[in-house]
Amino acid sequence: MSLLSVSRTLFSKALMGNVSVRSTMPFRNINQLYPRITPILSSTPLSLNQKAVQVVPSRKSSHGDHVRLWTAEKAFSAALLPIIPTAFIFPSPIMDYLLAFTLTLHSHWGIEAIVVDYVRPQVFGDFIPKLALGLLYAFSALTLGGLCYFTYTDVGLVEAIKMLWKL
């Protein structure tokens, strides 16, 4: 038996109360040996240098059905797989608009998830998260408008990418 398996066996028996930790280790009790996991394993009080773990009850969201939104985001992401090659195989203004819309919406949802996760009201107050989301919506609208304008007035999104590839 290896040293690791012996120490595991002694540790598990010590936690179960079958073996005294004092007989195998130079410590007085298991609180000195494993001070961070002892409060989890027993009901002993915490010492001054340990942090207590707080369990926060989950809150109900008031912003709508997140399961449906998640499903729509994943369906849109899956729809990008055939849309991108189809736009390059059959280039047309309709495919350019469809590509512009799906790419913009896909990017918007991804960046929105980042903003919602990391620009929280608990950290930044109430104004900054609202400003960040407002700027995100403005930039997404400008992006979609710019791509549609480019498709309408110039060669189109797919042809522009093909021209960049030829460079």
Protein backbone atom coordinates (compact mmCIF):
# COMPACT_ATOMS: atom_id res chain seq x y z
CA MET A 1 0.00 0.00 0.00
CA SER A 2 1.31 3.42 -0.90
CA LEU A 3 1.77 6.30 1.49
CA LEU A 4 -1.08 8.18 -0.19
CA SER A 5 -3.59 5.36 0.31
CA VAL A 6 -2.50 4.92 3.96
CA SER A 7 -2.95 8.63 4.64
CA ARG A 8 -6.35 8.59 2.94
CA THR A 9 -7.44 5.63 5.04
CA LEU A 10 -6.25 7.22 8.27
CA PHE A 11 -7.87 10.53 7.36
CA SER A 12 -11.21 8.94 6.55
CA LYS A 13 -11.13 6.86 9.75
CA ALA A 14 -10.21 9.93 11.76
CA LEU A 15 -13.20 11.79 10.33
CA MET A 16 -15.48 8.87 11.13
CA GLY A 17 -14.12 8.70 14.67
CA ASN A 18 -12.52 5.24 14.33
CA VAL A 19 -8.92 6.39 14.80
CA SER A 20 -7.61 9.19 16.93
CA VAL A 21 -5.71 11.80 14.92
CA ARG A 22 -3.41 12.27 17.93
CA SER A 23 -2.12 8.72 17.60
CA THR A 24 -1.04 9.15 13.98
CA MET A 25 -0.12 12.84 13.75
CA PRO A 26 1.64 15.29 16.10
CA PHE A 27 -1.48 17.50 16.27
CA ARG A 28 -3.87 17.61 19.22
CA ASN A 29 -7.11 17.33 17.22
CA ILE A 30 -8.50 17.44 13.71
CA ASN A 31 -9.29 21.17 14.02
CA GLN A 32 -5.56 21.90 14.05
CA LEU A 33 -4.82 19.44 11.25
CA TYR A 34 -7.54 20.53 8.80
CA PRO A 35 -8.85 23.92 9.97
CA ARG A 36 -10.66 24.82 6.74
CA ILE A 37 -12.77 21.70 6.29
CA THR A 38 -13.61 21.02 9.93
CA PRO A 39 -16.62 23.43 10.03
CA ILE A 40 -18.04 21.68 7.00
CA LEU A 41 -17.62 18.22 8.50
CA SER A 42 -18.69 18.90 12.06
CA SER A 43 -20.62 21.40 14.11
CA THR A 44 -17.60 22.92 15.84
CA PRO A 45 -17.50 26.73 15.99
CA LEU A 46 -15.29 28.65 13.58
CA SER A 47 -12.05 30.16 14.75
CA LEU A 48 -11.15 33.82 14.14
CA ASN A 49 -9.03 33.19 11.03
CA GLN A 50 -11.71 31.24 9.16
CA LYS A 51 -14.43 32.69 6.98
CA ALA A 52 -18.02 31.64 7.29
CA VAL A 53 -19.87 30.61 4.15
CA GLN A 54 -23.23 32.26 3.64
CA VAL A 55 -25.96 30.59 1.69
CA VAL A 56 -28.08 33.13 -0.15
CA PRO A 57 -31.56 32.06 -1.22
CA SER A 58 -32.19 32.23 -4.94
CA ARG A 59 -34.22 35.13 -6.21
CA LYS A 60 -37.01 34.92 -8.69
CA SER A 61 -36.32 36.86 -11.85
CA SER A 62 -38.73 39.58 -12.84
CA HIS A 63 -37.31 39.97 -16.34
CA GLY A 64 -39.14 37.18 -18.13
CA ASP A 65 -38.72 33.57 -19.11
CA HIS A 66 -35.01 32.83 -19.29
CA VAL A 67 -35.50 29.26 -20.49
CA ARG A 68 -37.22 30.46 -23.66
CA LEU A 69 -34.57 33.12 -24.22
CA TRP A 70 -31.79 30.56 -23.74
CA THR A 71 -33.52 28.21 -26.18
CA ALA A 72 -33.93 31.00 -28.73
CA GLU A 73 -30.26 31.98 -28.38
CA LYS A 74 -29.12 28.40 -28.93
CA ALA A 75 -31.49 27.96 -31.88
CA PHE A 76 -30.16 31.17 -33.42
CA SER A 77 -26.58 30.00 -32.90
CA ALA A 78 -27.41 26.69 -34.54
CA ALA A 79 -29.13 28.53 -37.41
CA LEU A 80 -25.88 30.42 -38.10
CA LEU A 81 -24.21 27.16 -39.11
CA PRO A 82 -26.19 26.75 -42.36
CA ILE A 83 -26.78 30.49 -42.94
CA ILE A 84 -23.10 31.45 -43.25
CA PRO A 85 -22.13 28.89 -45.93
CA THR A 86 -25.43 29.39 -47.75
CA ALA A 87 -24.78 33.13 -47.94
CA PHE A 88 -21.40 32.42 -49.59
CA ILE A 89 -22.70 29.71 -51.93
CA PHE A 90 -25.79 31.67 -53.06
CA PRO A 91 -24.87 35.37 -52.64
CA SER A 92 -27.84 37.72 -52.84
CA PRO A 93 -29.05 40.83 -51.02
CA ILE A 94 -31.57 38.75 -49.06
CA MET A 95 -28.82 36.46 -47.78
CA ASP A 96 -26.70 39.51 -46.93
CA TYR A 97 -29.53 41.00 -44.87
CA LEU A 98 -30.19 37.67 -43.19
CA LEU A 99 -26.51 37.28 -42.39
CA ALA A 100 -26.28 40.84 -41.05
CA PHE A 101 -29.34 40.32 -38.85
CA THR A 102 -28.28 36.95 -37.44
CA LEU A 103 -24.66 37.99 -36.79
CA THR A 104 -25.75 41.22 -35.11
CA LEU A 105 -28.33 39.50 -32.93
CA HIS A 106 -25.90 36.70 -32.02
CA SER A 107 -23.24 39.25 -31.04
CA HIS A 108 -25.78 41.36 -29.15
CA TRP A 109 -26.94 38.42 -27.03
CA GLY A 110 -23.36 37.40 -26.26
CA ILE A 111 -22.27 40.87 -25.20
CA GLU A 112 -25.53 41.37 -23.30
CA ALA A 113 -24.77 38.26 -21.25
CA ILE A 114 -21.34 39.69 -20.42
CA VAL A 115 -22.79 43.08 -19.44
CA VAL A 116 -25.53 41.53 -17.28
CA ASP A 117 -23.07 39.18 -15.57
CA TYR A 118 -20.24 41.61 -14.90
CA VAL A 119 -21.82 45.08 -14.69
CA ARG A 120 -24.08 44.26 -11.75
CA PRO A 121 -26.09 46.81 -9.75
CA GLN A 122 -24.62 45.42 -6.51
CA VAL A 123 -21.15 46.49 -7.66
CA PHE A 124 -21.75 49.60 -9.80
CA GLY A 125 -25.03 50.98 -8.47
CA ASP A 126 -28.24 51.33 -10.45
CA PHE A 127 -27.15 53.83 -13.12
CA ILE A 128 -24.04 52.21 -14.67
CA PRO A 129 -25.68 48.84 -15.56
CA LYS A 130 -28.60 50.65 -17.20
CA LEU A 131 -26.19 52.87 -19.10
CA ALA A 132 -24.15 49.84 -20.22
CA LEU A 133 -27.25 48.05 -21.48
CA GLY A 134 -28.48 51.21 -23.21
CA LEU A 135 -25.12 51.64 -24.95
CA LEU A 136 -25.18 47.99 -25.95
CA TYR A 137 -28.61 48.38 -27.54
CA ALA A 138 -27.48 51.56 -29.31
CA PHE A 139 -24.31 49.93 -30.66
CA SER A 140 -26.25 46.85 -31.77
CA ALA A 141 -28.80 49.02 -33.59
CA LEU A 142 -26.00 51.05 -35.21
CA THR A 143 -24.21 47.85 -36.22
CA LEU A 144 -27.33 46.39 -37.83
CA GLY A 145 -28.12 49.70 -39.51
CA GLY A 146 -24.56 50.03 -40.80
CA LEU A 147 -24.50 46.50 -42.19
CA CYS A 148 -27.88 46.98 -43.87
CA TYR A 149 -26.75 50.33 -45.29
CA PHE A 150 -23.55 48.72 -46.58
CA THR A 151 -25.55 45.91 -48.17
CA TYR A 152 -27.98 48.36 -49.79
CA THR A 153 -25.48 50.92 -51.10
CA ASP A 154 -22.35 48.87 -51.80
CA VAL A 155 -21.38 45.38 -52.94
CA GLY A 156 -22.92 43.58 -49.99
CA LEU A 157 -21.58 41.83 -46.94
CA VAL A 158 -20.56 38.53 -48.55
CA GLU A 159 -18.91 40.17 -51.56
CA ALA A 160 -16.99 42.52 -49.26
CA ILE A 161 -15.68 39.55 -47.28
CA LYS A 162 -14.71 37.79 -50.53
CA MET A 163 -12.87 40.94 -51.63
CA LEU A 164 -10.99 41.00 -48.34
CA TRP A 165 -10.01 37.36 -48.79
CA LYS A 166 -8.59 38.14 -52.26
CA LEU A 167 -6.19 40.73 -50.81
